[in-house]
N, C-alpha and C. Protein backbone atom coordinates (compact mmCIF):
# COMPACT_ATOMS: atom_id res chain seq x y z
N MET A 1 15.58 -9.17 -8.91
CA MET A 1 16.06 -9.91 -8.19
C MET A 1 15.07 -9.63 -6.30
N ALA A 2 15.58 -8.00 -6.32
CA ALA A 2 15.29 -7.82 -4.94
C ALA A 2 13.92 -7.83 -4.91
N ALA A 3 13.57 -7.11 -6.02
CA ALA A 3 11.79 -6.75 -6.00
C ALA A 3 11.08 -8.24 -5.98
N PHE A 4 11.37 -9.30 -6.67
CA PHE A 4 10.94 -10.44 -6.17
C PHE A 4 11.08 -11.14 -4.99
N SER A 5 12.27 -10.88 -4.19
CA SER A 5 12.50 -11.43 -2.81
C SER A 5 11.63 -10.83 -2.11
N LEU A 6 10.84 -9.68 -2.21
CA LEU A 6 9.92 -9.37 -1.25
C LEU A 6 8.65 -10.29 -0.89
N THR A 7 8.38 -11.01 -1.81
CA THR A 7 7.10 -11.77 -1.97
C THR A 7 6.51 -12.52 -0.54
N GLN A 8 7.44 -12.17 0.44
CA GLN A 8 7.00 -12.98 1.85
C GLN A 8 7.70 -11.86 2.59
N SER A 9 8.17 -10.92 2.21
CA SER A 9 8.42 -9.60 3.34
C SER A 9 7.54 -9.09 3.96
N ARG A 10 7.63 -8.84 5.45
CA ARG A 10 6.39 -8.39 5.84
C ARG A 10 7.05 -6.68 6.13
N SER A 11 7.29 -5.85 5.03
CA SER A 11 7.90 -4.44 4.89
C SER A 11 6.56 -4.07 4.16
N ALA A 12 6.78 -2.67 4.11
CA ALA A 12 5.93 -1.53 3.21
C ALA A 12 5.74 -2.44 1.77
N LEU A 13 7.22 -2.62 1.13
CA LEU A 13 7.72 -2.84 -0.08
C LEU A 13 7.14 -3.85 -0.38
N GLY A 14 7.01 -5.05 0.66
CA GLY A 14 6.29 -6.20 0.46
C GLY A 14 5.04 -6.17 0.50
N ALA A 15 4.53 -5.61 1.25
CA ALA A 15 3.18 -5.36 0.85
C ALA A 15 2.47 -4.70 -0.39
N PHE A 16 3.14 -3.63 -0.71
CA PHE A 16 3.21 -3.22 -2.18
C PHE A 16 3.40 -3.90 -3.50
N TYR A 17 4.04 -4.96 -3.23
CA TYR A 17 4.32 -5.99 -4.16
C TYR A 17 3.13 -6.81 -4.57
N ARG A 18 2.71 -7.31 -3.22
CA ARG A 18 1.41 -8.22 -2.94
C ARG A 18 0.27 -7.58 -3.50
N ARG A 19 0.34 -6.47 -3.39
CA ARG A 19 -1.19 -5.61 -3.85
C ARG A 19 -0.86 -5.71 -5.20
N LEU A 20 -0.17 -5.25 -5.74
CA LEU A 20 0.01 -5.05 -7.34
C LEU A 20 -0.07 -6.51 -8.10
N ARG A 21 0.73 -7.64 -7.34
CA ARG A 21 0.68 -9.01 -7.83
C ARG A 21 -1.05 -9.33 -8.11
N SER A 22 -1.44 -9.07 -6.95
CA SER A 22 -3.22 -9.64 -6.90
C SER A 22 -3.63 -8.70 -8.13
N ARG A 23 -3.37 -7.61 -8.12
CA ARG A 23 -4.21 -6.87 -9.39
C ARG A 23 -3.63 -7.16 -10.68
N LEU A 24 -2.37 -6.72 -11.05
CA LEU A 24 -1.52 -6.93 -12.20
C LEU A 24 -0.80 -8.29 -12.75
N GLY A 25 -0.78 -9.22 -11.63
CA GLY A 25 0.11 -10.02 -12.26
C GLY A 25 1.23 -10.13 -11.75
N ALA A 26 2.29 -10.87 -11.53
CA ALA A 26 3.57 -11.06 -10.82
C ALA A 26 4.44 -10.38 -11.98
N PRO A 27 4.71 -10.37 -13.65
CA PRO A 27 5.66 -9.49 -13.92
C PRO A 27 5.55 -8.16 -13.98
N LYS A 28 4.41 -7.54 -13.88
CA LYS A 28 4.12 -6.24 -13.73
C LYS A 28 4.58 -5.74 -12.68
N ALA A 29 3.99 -6.48 -11.56
CA ALA A 29 4.16 -6.07 -9.91
C ALA A 29 5.69 -6.25 -10.03
N ILE A 30 6.66 -7.11 -10.02
CA ILE A 30 8.06 -7.21 -10.25
C ILE A 30 8.65 -5.68 -10.57
N THR A 31 7.92 -5.67 -11.82
CA THR A 31 8.52 -4.56 -12.53
C THR A 31 8.61 -3.11 -11.54
N ALA A 32 7.29 -2.86 -11.41
CA ALA A 32 7.04 -1.90 -10.59
C ALA A 32 7.54 -1.75 -9.21
N THR A 33 7.63 -2.69 -8.77
CA THR A 33 8.30 -2.83 -7.18
C THR A 33 9.82 -2.58 -7.73
N ALA A 34 10.64 -3.11 -8.56
CA ALA A 34 11.99 -2.58 -8.81
C ALA A 34 11.85 -0.90 -9.11
N HIS A 35 11.06 -0.25 -9.84
CA HIS A 35 11.15 0.87 -10.15
C HIS A 35 10.70 1.49 -8.87
N LYS A 36 10.47 1.09 -8.07
CA LYS A 36 10.14 1.95 -6.84
C LYS A 36 11.64 1.77 -5.91
N ILE A 37 12.24 0.61 -5.94
CA ILE A 37 13.05 0.25 -5.14
C ILE A 37 14.14 1.57 -5.52
N ALA A 38 14.05 1.30 -7.18
CA ALA A 38 15.17 2.26 -7.58
C ALA A 38 15.06 3.63 -7.32
N ARG A 39 13.77 4.01 -7.14
CA ARG A 39 13.62 5.60 -6.64
C ARG A 39 13.89 5.47 -5.51
N LEU A 40 13.67 4.81 -4.81
CA LEU A 40 14.38 4.94 -3.09
C LEU A 40 15.66 4.88 -2.84
N PHE A 41 16.29 4.25 -3.97
CA PHE A 41 17.50 4.02 -3.50
C PHE A 41 18.41 5.45 -4.37
N TYR A 42 17.90 5.91 -5.56
CA TYR A 42 18.18 7.34 -5.90
C TYR A 42 18.22 8.32 -5.09
N ARG A 43 16.69 8.59 -4.68
CA ARG A 43 16.63 9.62 -3.54
C ARG A 43 17.71 9.46 -2.12
N MET A 44 17.89 8.29 -1.45
CA MET A 44 18.91 8.25 -0.68
C MET A 44 20.13 8.59 -0.87
N TRP A 45 20.61 7.72 -2.41
CA TRP A 45 22.02 8.38 -2.35
C TRP A 45 22.10 9.74 -3.00
N THR A 46 21.15 10.60 -3.63
CA THR A 46 21.36 11.69 -3.53
C THR A 46 21.13 13.08 -2.37
N THR A 47 20.44 12.19 -1.41
CA THR A 47 20.37 13.39 -0.42
C THR A 47 21.00 12.73 0.83
N GLY A 48 21.72 11.75 0.88
CA GLY A 48 22.37 10.97 1.79
C GLY A 48 21.64 10.58 2.98
N GLY A 49 19.99 10.66 2.80
CA GLY A 49 19.51 10.22 3.84
C GLY A 49 19.24 8.57 3.98
N GLN A 50 18.36 8.28 4.93
CA GLN A 50 18.47 6.85 5.18
C GLN A 50 17.01 6.32 5.34
N TYR A 51 16.88 5.01 4.48
CA TYR A 51 15.68 4.07 4.65
C TYR A 51 15.11 3.87 5.74
N ALA A 52 13.88 4.33 6.36
CA ALA A 52 13.21 3.69 7.73
C ALA A 52 11.87 3.18 7.05
N ASP A 53 11.95 1.90 7.18
CA ASP A 53 10.79 1.20 6.82
C ASP A 53 9.63 1.44 7.63
N PRO A 54 8.56 1.99 7.39
CA PRO A 54 7.27 1.78 8.39
C PRO A 54 6.55 0.97 8.49
N GLY A 55 7.08 -0.19 7.96
CA GLY A 55 5.86 -1.33 8.14
C GLY A 55 5.16 -1.71 7.36
N MET A 56 4.59 -2.99 7.25
CA MET A 56 3.45 -3.88 6.67
C MET A 56 2.05 -2.76 7.05
N ASP A 57 1.76 -2.90 8.33
CA ASP A 57 0.40 -2.38 9.02
C ASP A 57 0.48 -1.24 8.64
N TYR A 58 1.45 -0.24 8.47
CA TYR A 58 1.14 1.15 8.62
C TYR A 58 0.80 1.42 6.87
N TYR A 59 1.47 0.54 6.01
CA TYR A 59 1.66 0.77 5.12
C TYR A 59 -0.24 0.10 4.27
N GLU A 60 -0.48 -0.80 4.80
CA GLU A 60 -2.15 -1.31 4.78
C GLU A 60 -2.99 -0.32 5.37
N GLN A 61 -2.81 0.24 6.47
CA GLN A 61 -3.43 1.10 7.37
C GLN A 61 -3.79 2.40 6.13
N ARG A 62 -2.70 2.90 5.67
CA ARG A 62 -2.66 4.10 4.85
C ARG A 62 -3.39 3.97 3.51
N TYR A 63 -3.08 2.30 2.90
CA TYR A 63 -3.68 2.25 1.78
C TYR A 63 -5.63 2.08 1.90
N HIS A 64 -5.94 1.42 3.03
CA HIS A 64 -7.37 1.31 3.48
C HIS A 64 -7.76 2.48 3.52
N GLU A 65 -7.47 3.63 4.09
CA GLU A 65 -7.64 5.03 4.03
C GLU A 65 -7.97 5.66 2.90
N GLN A 66 -6.93 5.33 1.93
CA GLN A 66 -6.95 5.69 0.72
C GLN A 66 -8.17 5.26 0.01
N VAL A 67 -8.46 3.92 0.10
CA VAL A 67 -9.78 3.42 -0.50
C VAL A 67 -10.88 3.74 -0.09
N LEU A 68 -11.05 3.92 1.33
CA LEU A 68 -12.16 4.80 1.84
C LEU A 68 -12.74 6.23 1.54
N ASN A 69 -11.78 6.99 1.64
CA ASN A 69 -11.53 8.27 0.57
C ASN A 69 -12.20 8.37 -0.67
N HIS A 70 -11.83 7.49 -1.45
CA HIS A 70 -11.93 7.10 -2.65
C HIS A 70 -13.55 7.39 -2.80
N LEU A 71 -14.04 6.12 -2.25
CA LEU A 71 -15.47 5.51 -1.87
C LEU A 71 -16.11 7.11 -1.64
N ARG A 72 -15.95 7.43 -0.66
CA ARG A 72 -16.41 8.44 -0.02
C ARG A 72 -16.75 9.58 -1.11
N ASN A 73 -15.47 9.98 -1.74
CA ASN A 73 -15.76 11.02 -3.37
C ASN A 73 -16.34 10.54 -3.93
N LYS A 74 -16.44 9.24 -4.46
CA LYS A 74 -17.47 8.77 -5.33
C LYS A 74 -18.98 8.81 -4.86
N ALA A 75 -19.19 8.42 -3.72
CA ALA A 75 -20.35 8.58 -3.40
C ALA A 75 -21.07 9.91 -2.91
N ARG A 76 -19.94 10.59 -2.75
CA ARG A 76 -20.41 12.26 -2.58
C ARG A 76 -20.77 12.71 -4.09
N SER A 77 -20.40 12.16 -5.18
CA SER A 77 -20.29 12.83 -6.66
C SER A 77 -21.59 12.29 -7.07
N LEU A 78 -21.80 11.12 -6.70
CA LEU A 78 -23.16 10.73 -7.15
C LEU A 78 -24.36 11.19 -6.25
N GLY A 79 -24.15 11.75 -5.16
CA GLY A 79 -25.29 12.07 -4.32
C GLY A 79 -25.91 11.12 -3.28
N PHE A 80 -24.79 10.41 -2.79
CA PHE A 80 -25.24 9.51 -1.49
C PHE A 80 -24.02 9.76 0.06
N ASP A 81 -24.34 9.39 0.40
CA ASP A 81 -23.49 9.85 1.67
C ASP A 81 -23.00 8.52 2.63
N LEU A 82 -21.89 8.02 2.60
CA LEU A 82 -21.55 6.72 3.53
C LEU A 82 -21.86 6.88 5.18
N VAL A 83 -22.40 5.61 5.23
CA VAL A 83 -22.64 5.61 6.95
C VAL A 83 -21.81 4.68 7.41
N ALA A 84 -20.78 4.69 8.45
CA ALA A 84 -19.83 3.72 9.08
C ALA A 84 -21.20 2.86 9.83
N GLN A 85 -20.57 1.59 9.55
CA GLN A 85 -21.52 0.39 10.34
C GLN A 85 -20.50 -0.36 11.60
N PRO A 86 -20.91 -0.28 12.68
CA PRO A 86 -19.61 -1.15 13.61
C PRO A 86 -19.73 -2.50 13.00
N THR A 87 -18.27 -2.55 13.38
CA THR A 87 -17.67 -4.09 13.15
C THR A 87 -17.72 -4.98 14.39
N ALA A 88 -17.80 -6.18 13.82
CA ALA A 88 -17.73 -7.17 14.86
C ALA A 88 -16.93 -6.86 16.15
N LYS A 89 -15.69 -6.34 15.64
CA LYS A 89 -15.08 -6.04 17.01
C LYS A 89 -15.42 -4.98 17.67
N GLU A 90 -16.30 -4.16 17.26
CA GLU A 90 -16.93 -3.04 18.08
C GLU A 90 -18.05 -3.46 18.84
N CYS A 91 -18.74 -4.43 18.13
CA CYS A 91 -19.82 -4.85 18.59
C CYS A 91 -19.93 -5.78 20.20
N VAL A 92 -18.53 -6.53 20.09
CA VAL A 92 -18.23 -7.37 20.82
C VAL A 92 -17.93 -6.64 22.46
N SER A 93 -17.35 -5.25 22.19
CA SER A 93 -16.53 -4.40 23.40
C SER A 93 -17.98 -4.44 24.06
C-alpha cells in the first residue's frame, strides 16, 4: 500500500515508481518500489540512521545523467562521438 501511494508523490521514491510504471507496468512497479522501501527501512533500522529524501528533481537529474553516460559509452563503443546541441533555453539567453 505504501508503494502504491507514491503515485502522485513528488519524492524520489515517487519518481522511481512512475519511471518503472511507464516501462514495466503498474504491478511490477509496485513490487519493485515496495522492495526498495523495504531495503531503505531495513538499512535505517539496522544502522539507526534517518532517511532524507533528496527529492524528485534530484532523482530525475541523476537518472538523466545516467542515460547520457550510457549513450556516450554506447556511441564510443560503436566508434561515434556525441556532440551536445544547444537547447531552446540556451538559445534564448
